[in-house]
């Protein structure tokens, strides 16, 4: 004989699961508060970004954009590249972080937020790619 769940029993199960989830969240919040009281860092799991050498290229599609290509061939789509570096062939050392869960119209490379930058070699101004004309 097959038994079906009554609406009351189903509601009871759902409430139990919801309360269990809330209890776990509450325990997690308590642990975070205790961590803050002791002065421990919550950023321990955050990975320090390493410097990498990249070349700036201008791509004349999807409205035109600047991309960074690393020595390893990684494609990075910078969200905050300074104007003075927007020249074809500019070589930089950058430190930053990949932005996850972000879509772009370029559909090229990984969205990337530059945290620190060092100029190695400034590129050339050409036709459509004039960079920061100053």
N, C-alpha and C. Protein backbone atom coordinates (compact mmCIF):
# COMPACT_ATOMS: atom_id res chain seq x y z
N UNK A 1 0.83 -1.17 0.00
CA UNK A 1 0.00 0.00 0.00
C UNK A 1 0.88 1.25 0.00
N UNK A 2 0.60 2.16 -0.89
CA UNK A 2 1.40 3.37 -1.03
C UNK A 2 0.77 4.51 -0.24
N UNK A 3 1.61 5.19 0.57
CA UNK A 3 1.12 6.30 1.38
C UNK A 3 1.53 7.61 0.72
N UNK A 4 0.65 8.58 0.73
CA UNK A 4 0.97 9.90 0.21
C UNK A 4 1.10 10.87 1.37
N UNK A 5 1.87 11.90 1.14
CA UNK A 5 2.06 12.90 2.18
C UNK A 5 0.87 13.84 2.20
N UNK A 6 0.36 14.06 3.36
CA UNK A 6 -0.74 15.02 3.52
C UNK A 6 -0.15 16.43 3.50
N UNK A 7 -0.94 17.42 3.15
CA UNK A 7 -0.42 18.80 3.16
C UNK A 7 0.13 19.20 4.52
N UNK A 8 -0.46 18.75 5.58
CA UNK A 8 0.00 19.09 6.93
C UNK A 8 1.36 18.47 7.19
N UNK A 9 1.54 17.20 6.81
CA UNK A 9 2.82 16.52 7.02
C UNK A 9 3.90 17.17 6.15
N UNK A 10 3.55 17.50 4.92
CA UNK A 10 4.50 18.13 4.02
C UNK A 10 4.94 19.49 4.56
N UNK A 11 4.00 20.28 5.06
CA UNK A 11 4.31 21.57 5.64
C UNK A 11 5.21 21.42 6.86
N UNK A 12 4.93 20.42 7.67
CA UNK A 12 5.73 20.15 8.86
C UNK A 12 7.18 19.82 8.48
N UNK A 13 7.36 19.02 7.45
CA UNK A 13 8.71 18.65 6.99
C UNK A 13 9.44 19.89 6.47
N UNK A 14 8.74 20.71 5.71
CA UNK A 14 9.36 21.91 5.14
C UNK A 14 9.78 22.88 6.24
N UNK A 15 8.94 23.06 7.26
CA UNK A 15 9.29 23.95 8.37
C UNK A 15 10.49 23.43 9.14
N UNK A 16 10.54 22.12 9.34
CA UNK A 16 11.67 21.52 10.04
C UNK A 16 12.96 21.77 9.28
N UNK A 17 12.94 21.58 7.97
CA UNK A 17 14.13 21.82 7.15
C UNK A 17 14.52 23.29 7.18
N UNK A 18 13.55 24.18 7.10
CA UNK A 18 13.83 25.61 7.12
C UNK A 18 14.46 26.03 8.45
N UNK A 19 13.92 25.53 9.54
CA UNK A 19 14.46 25.87 10.85
C UNK A 19 15.85 25.31 11.05
N UNK A 20 16.10 24.13 10.52
CA UNK A 20 17.44 23.54 10.61
C UNK A 20 18.44 24.43 9.88
N UNK A 21 18.07 24.90 8.68
CA UNK A 21 18.93 25.80 7.92
C UNK A 21 19.20 27.09 8.67
N UNK A 22 18.17 27.66 9.30
CA UNK A 22 18.34 28.89 10.07
C UNK A 22 19.26 28.67 11.25
N UNK A 23 19.14 27.52 11.88
CA UNK A 23 19.98 27.19 13.03
C UNK A 23 21.44 27.13 12.61
N UNK A 24 21.71 26.51 11.45
CA UNK A 24 23.09 26.41 10.98
C UNK A 24 23.64 27.79 10.65
N UNK A 25 22.82 28.64 10.03
CA UNK A 25 23.24 30.00 9.71
C UNK A 25 23.54 30.76 10.99
N UNK A 26 22.70 30.59 12.00
CA UNK A 26 22.91 31.26 13.28
C UNK A 26 24.23 30.81 13.90
N UNK A 27 24.53 29.50 13.86
CA UNK A 27 25.79 28.99 14.39
C UNK A 27 26.97 29.58 13.64
N UNK A 28 26.83 29.73 12.32
CA UNK A 28 27.90 30.30 11.51
C UNK A 28 28.13 31.76 11.91
N UNK A 29 27.05 32.52 12.13
CA UNK A 29 27.18 33.91 12.55
C UNK A 29 27.86 34.02 13.90
N UNK A 30 27.55 33.11 14.82
CA UNK A 30 28.19 33.11 16.14
C UNK A 30 29.68 32.88 15.99
N UNK A 31 30.07 31.93 15.11
CA UNK A 31 31.49 31.65 14.89
C UNK A 31 32.20 32.88 14.32
N UNK A 32 31.56 33.58 13.39
CA UNK A 32 32.15 34.78 12.81
C UNK A 32 32.34 35.85 13.88
N UNK A 33 31.32 36.02 14.75
CA UNK A 33 31.42 37.02 15.81
C UNK A 33 32.56 36.68 16.77
N UNK A 34 32.70 35.39 17.10
CA UNK A 34 33.79 34.97 17.98
C UNK A 34 35.14 35.23 17.33
N UNK A 35 35.23 34.98 16.03
CA UNK A 35 36.47 35.23 15.30
C UNK A 35 36.83 36.71 15.35
N UNK A 36 35.83 37.56 15.16
CA UNK A 36 36.08 39.00 15.20
C UNK A 36 36.52 39.45 16.59
N UNK A 37 35.94 38.85 17.64
CA UNK A 37 36.31 39.22 19.01
C UNK A 37 37.77 38.87 19.29
N UNK A 38 38.23 37.73 18.78
CA UNK A 38 39.60 37.31 19.04
C UNK A 38 40.60 38.02 18.15
N UNK A 39 40.10 38.72 17.13
CA UNK A 39 40.99 39.49 16.26
C UNK A 39 41.58 38.68 15.12
N UNK A 40 41.11 37.47 14.91
CA UNK A 40 41.63 36.67 13.81
C UNK A 40 41.13 37.23 12.49
N UNK A 41 41.88 36.99 11.44
CA UNK A 41 41.50 37.49 10.12
C UNK A 41 40.49 36.58 9.46
N UNK A 42 39.46 37.19 8.87
CA UNK A 42 38.49 36.42 8.11
C UNK A 42 38.96 36.25 6.67
N UNK A 43 40.02 36.91 6.28
CA UNK A 43 40.47 36.88 4.91
C UNK A 43 41.54 35.82 4.70
N UNK A 44 41.69 34.93 5.63
CA UNK A 44 42.74 33.92 5.55
C UNK A 44 42.63 33.08 4.29
N UNK A 45 41.43 32.83 3.82
CA UNK A 45 41.24 32.00 2.64
C UNK A 45 41.45 32.75 1.34
N UNK A 46 41.58 34.07 1.37
CA UNK A 46 41.73 34.86 0.16
C UNK A 46 43.16 34.74 -0.36
N UNK A 47 43.29 34.35 -1.62
CA UNK A 47 44.59 34.12 -2.21
C UNK A 47 45.23 35.43 -2.67
N UNK A 48 46.47 35.64 -2.29
CA UNK A 48 47.21 36.81 -2.73
C UNK A 48 47.51 36.67 -4.21
N UNK A 49 47.25 37.71 -4.96
CA UNK A 49 47.47 37.69 -6.40
C UNK A 49 48.94 37.93 -6.71
N UNK A 50 49.47 37.17 -7.65
CA UNK A 50 50.86 37.30 -8.06
C UNK A 50 50.96 38.29 -9.22
N UNK A 51 52.11 38.90 -9.35
CA UNK A 51 52.37 39.78 -10.49
C UNK A 51 52.45 38.93 -11.74
N UNK A 52 51.94 39.47 -12.84
CA UNK A 52 52.09 38.80 -14.13
C UNK A 52 52.34 39.84 -15.20
N UNK A 53 53.15 39.46 -16.18
CA UNK A 53 53.45 40.37 -17.27
C UNK A 53 52.42 40.18 -18.36
N UNK A 54 51.87 41.30 -18.87
CA UNK A 54 50.83 41.26 -19.89
C UNK A 54 51.14 42.27 -20.98
N UNK A 55 50.56 42.02 -22.16
CA UNK A 55 50.66 42.96 -23.27
C UNK A 55 49.27 43.48 -23.56
N UNK A 56 49.16 44.79 -23.77
CA UNK A 56 47.88 45.44 -24.06
C UNK A 56 47.64 45.36 -25.58
N UNK A 57 46.45 44.92 -25.97
CA UNK A 57 46.07 44.87 -27.38
C UNK A 57 44.70 45.51 -27.52
N UNK A 58 44.51 46.16 -28.68
CA UNK A 58 43.20 46.74 -29.00
C UNK A 58 42.50 45.81 -29.98
N UNK A 59 41.24 45.47 -29.67
CA UNK A 59 40.44 44.60 -30.53
C UNK A 59 39.29 45.41 -31.08
N UNK A 60 39.20 45.46 -32.42
CA UNK A 60 38.21 46.30 -33.08
C UNK A 60 36.95 45.51 -33.43
N UNK A 61 36.35 44.87 -32.45
CA UNK A 61 35.04 44.23 -32.63
C UNK A 61 34.26 44.38 -31.34
N UNK A 62 32.95 44.17 -31.41
CA UNK A 62 32.06 44.38 -30.26
C UNK A 62 32.22 45.79 -29.70
N UNK A 63 32.38 46.77 -30.60
CA UNK A 63 32.49 48.16 -30.16
C UNK A 63 33.92 48.60 -29.89
N UNK A 64 34.86 47.68 -29.93
CA UNK A 64 36.26 47.98 -29.66
C UNK A 64 36.56 47.94 -28.18
N UNK A 65 37.66 47.30 -27.81
CA UNK A 65 38.03 47.20 -26.40
C UNK A 65 39.51 46.86 -26.28
N UNK A 66 40.06 47.04 -25.10
CA UNK A 66 41.43 46.69 -24.80
C UNK A 66 41.45 45.40 -24.01
N UNK A 67 42.33 44.50 -24.40
CA UNK A 67 42.49 43.25 -23.69
C UNK A 67 43.94 43.07 -23.28
N UNK A 68 44.14 42.28 -22.24
CA UNK A 68 45.48 41.97 -21.76
C UNK A 68 45.76 40.50 -22.06
N UNK A 69 46.92 40.22 -22.64
CA UNK A 69 47.31 38.84 -22.88
C UNK A 69 48.57 38.58 -22.07
N UNK A 70 48.51 37.56 -21.21
CA UNK A 70 49.66 37.25 -20.34
C UNK A 70 50.70 36.45 -21.13
N UNK A 71 51.87 36.33 -20.55
CA UNK A 71 52.93 35.53 -21.17
C UNK A 71 52.51 34.08 -21.33
N UNK A 72 51.62 33.61 -20.45
CA UNK A 72 51.13 32.23 -20.50
C UNK A 72 49.98 32.07 -21.51
N UNK A 73 49.54 33.20 -22.10
CA UNK A 73 48.46 33.14 -23.08
C UNK A 73 47.07 33.37 -22.50
N UNK A 74 47.00 33.70 -21.21
CA UNK A 74 45.70 33.98 -20.59
C UNK A 74 45.16 35.30 -21.13
N UNK A 75 43.85 35.33 -21.38
CA UNK A 75 43.19 36.54 -21.86
C UNK A 75 42.45 37.19 -20.70
N UNK A 76 42.81 38.43 -20.40
CA UNK A 76 42.18 39.17 -19.31
C UNK A 76 41.52 40.41 -19.88
N UNK A 77 40.28 40.65 -19.52
CA UNK A 77 39.53 41.82 -19.97
C UNK A 77 39.53 42.84 -18.83
N UNK A 78 40.41 43.85 -18.89
CA UNK A 78 40.53 44.78 -17.77
C UNK A 78 39.32 45.70 -17.65
N UNK A 79 38.81 45.83 -16.44
CA UNK A 79 37.67 46.70 -16.17
C UNK A 79 38.12 48.10 -15.78
N UNK A 80 39.39 48.26 -15.45
CA UNK A 80 39.86 49.56 -14.96
C UNK A 80 41.28 49.88 -15.46
N UNK A 81 41.53 49.65 -16.73
CA UNK A 81 42.84 49.97 -17.30
C UNK A 81 42.95 51.48 -17.48
N UNK A 82 43.98 52.08 -16.91
CA UNK A 82 44.18 53.53 -16.99
C UNK A 82 44.42 53.96 -18.44
N UNK A 83 43.95 55.16 -18.79
CA UNK A 83 44.04 55.67 -20.17
C UNK A 83 45.46 55.69 -20.70
N UNK A 84 46.42 56.06 -19.87
CA UNK A 84 47.79 56.20 -20.36
C UNK A 84 48.39 54.87 -20.84
N UNK A 85 47.77 53.74 -20.46
CA UNK A 85 48.27 52.43 -20.89
C UNK A 85 47.50 51.87 -22.08
N UNK A 86 46.50 52.59 -22.55
CA UNK A 86 45.66 52.10 -23.66
C UNK A 86 46.32 52.39 -25.00
N UNK A 87 47.47 51.76 -25.21
CA UNK A 87 48.21 51.86 -26.45
C UNK A 87 48.63 50.45 -26.88
N UNK A 88 48.44 50.15 -28.17
CA UNK A 88 48.79 48.84 -28.71
C UNK A 88 50.24 48.50 -28.39
N UNK A 89 50.45 47.32 -27.81
CA UNK A 89 51.80 46.84 -27.53
C UNK A 89 52.37 47.26 -26.20
N UNK A 90 51.63 48.00 -25.39
CA UNK A 90 52.12 48.38 -24.07
C UNK A 90 52.33 47.10 -23.25
N UNK A 91 53.47 47.03 -22.58
CA UNK A 91 53.78 45.87 -21.74
C UNK A 91 53.74 46.34 -20.28
N UNK A 92 52.97 45.60 -19.48
CA UNK A 92 52.77 45.95 -18.07
C UNK A 92 53.02 44.75 -17.18
N UNK A 93 53.32 45.03 -15.93
CA UNK A 93 53.23 44.02 -14.87
C UNK A 93 51.99 44.40 -14.09
N UNK A 94 51.06 43.45 -13.94
CA UNK A 94 49.82 43.74 -13.21
C UNK A 94 49.59 42.73 -12.10
N UNK A 95 48.91 43.22 -11.09
CA UNK A 95 48.43 42.38 -10.02
C UNK A 95 46.95 42.69 -9.91
N UNK A 96 46.12 41.67 -9.80
CA UNK A 96 44.69 41.92 -9.72
C UNK A 96 43.92 40.66 -9.44
N UNK A 97 42.61 40.73 -9.73
CA UNK A 97 41.76 39.59 -9.47
C UNK A 97 40.75 39.41 -10.58
N UNK A 98 40.48 38.16 -10.90
CA UNK A 98 39.47 37.83 -11.88
C UNK A 98 38.11 38.07 -11.24
N UNK A 99 37.21 38.70 -11.99
CA UNK A 99 35.86 38.98 -11.50
C UNK A 99 34.97 37.83 -11.95
N UNK A 100 34.51 37.06 -11.01
CA UNK A 100 33.66 35.91 -11.33
C UNK A 100 32.21 36.35 -11.45
N UNK A 101 31.42 35.55 -12.14
CA UNK A 101 29.98 35.80 -12.29
C UNK A 101 29.68 37.16 -12.92
N UNK A 102 30.49 37.54 -13.90
CA UNK A 102 30.24 38.80 -14.62
C UNK A 102 30.24 38.49 -16.11
N UNK A 103 29.20 38.96 -16.79
CA UNK A 103 29.13 38.78 -18.23
C UNK A 103 29.45 40.11 -18.90
N UNK A 104 30.08 40.04 -20.08
CA UNK A 104 30.41 41.24 -20.84
C UNK A 104 29.94 41.06 -22.28
N UNK A 105 29.81 42.16 -22.99
CA UNK A 105 29.41 42.04 -24.39
C UNK A 105 30.58 41.59 -25.25
N UNK A 106 31.81 41.76 -24.78
CA UNK A 106 32.97 41.39 -25.57
C UNK A 106 33.09 39.87 -25.73
N UNK A 107 32.70 39.12 -24.74
CA UNK A 107 32.83 37.67 -24.75
C UNK A 107 34.26 37.26 -25.12
N UNK A 108 35.20 37.95 -24.53
CA UNK A 108 36.62 37.70 -24.76
C UNK A 108 37.32 37.77 -23.42
N UNK A 109 38.01 36.75 -23.05
CA UNK A 109 38.80 36.76 -21.82
C UNK A 109 37.98 36.80 -20.54
N UNK A 110 38.68 36.81 -19.44
CA UNK A 110 38.09 36.87 -18.11
C UNK A 110 38.04 38.32 -17.64
N UNK A 111 36.88 38.81 -17.20
CA UNK A 111 36.85 40.16 -16.62
C UNK A 111 37.86 40.24 -15.47
N UNK A 112 38.63 41.33 -15.43
CA UNK A 112 39.77 41.42 -14.53
C UNK A 112 39.84 42.82 -13.92
N UNK A 113 39.99 42.89 -12.60
CA UNK A 113 40.14 44.16 -11.89
C UNK A 113 41.61 44.32 -11.52
N UNK A 114 42.22 45.37 -12.06
CA UNK A 114 43.62 45.63 -11.78
C UNK A 114 43.74 46.29 -10.41
N UNK A 115 44.60 45.73 -9.57
CA UNK A 115 44.83 46.27 -8.23
C UNK A 115 46.09 47.13 -8.21
N UNK A 116 47.11 46.66 -8.93
CA UNK A 116 48.38 47.38 -8.98
C UNK A 116 48.99 47.17 -10.36
N UNK A 117 49.72 48.17 -10.84
CA UNK A 117 50.30 48.09 -12.19
C UNK A 117 51.67 48.75 -12.21
N UNK A 118 52.58 48.18 -13.02
CA UNK A 118 53.89 48.77 -13.25
C UNK A 118 54.12 48.77 -14.76
N UNK A 119 54.56 49.91 -15.29
CA UNK A 119 54.84 50.04 -16.71
C UNK A 119 56.20 49.44 -17.02
N UNK A 120 56.24 48.59 -18.03
CA UNK A 120 57.51 48.05 -18.51
C UNK A 120 57.90 48.75 -19.81
N UNK A 121 56.94 48.84 -20.75
CA UNK A 121 57.21 49.50 -22.03
C UNK A 121 55.91 50.08 -22.56
N UNK A 122 55.93 51.36 -22.94
CA UNK A 122 54.75 52.01 -23.49
C UNK A 122 54.64 51.68 -24.97
N UNK A 123 53.42 51.40 -25.41
CA UNK A 123 53.17 51.04 -26.80
C UNK A 123 53.09 52.26 -27.71
N UNK A 124 52.65 52.02 -28.95
CA UNK A 124 52.57 53.06 -29.97
C UNK A 124 51.13 53.44 -30.25
N UNK A 125 50.90 54.71 -30.56
CA UNK A 125 49.59 55.20 -30.97
C UNK A 125 49.43 54.94 -32.46
N UNK A 126 48.32 54.29 -32.84
CA UNK A 126 48.06 53.99 -34.25
C UNK A 126 46.61 54.30 -34.57
N UNK A 127 46.32 54.66 -35.81
CA UNK A 127 44.98 54.90 -36.34
C UNK A 127 43.86 54.96 -35.33
N UNK A 128 43.09 53.88 -35.22
CA UNK A 128 41.93 53.83 -34.31
C UNK A 128 42.36 53.76 -32.84
N UNK A 129 43.56 53.26 -32.63
CA UNK A 129 44.05 53.05 -31.27
C UNK A 129 44.96 54.22 -30.88
N UNK A 130 44.36 55.31 -30.38
CA UNK A 130 45.13 56.49 -30.04
C UNK A 130 45.49 56.55 -28.56
N UNK A 131 44.91 55.68 -27.77
CA UNK A 131 45.21 55.69 -26.35
C UNK A 131 44.86 57.01 -25.71
N UNK A 132 45.62 57.39 -24.72
CA UNK A 132 45.38 58.66 -24.03
C UNK A 132 46.20 59.73 -24.73
N UNK A 133 45.57 60.51 -25.56
CA UNK A 133 46.29 61.58 -26.26
C UNK A 133 46.41 62.75 -25.30
N UNK A 134 47.60 62.97 -24.83
CA UNK A 134 47.83 64.06 -23.89
C UNK A 134 49.08 64.82 -24.24
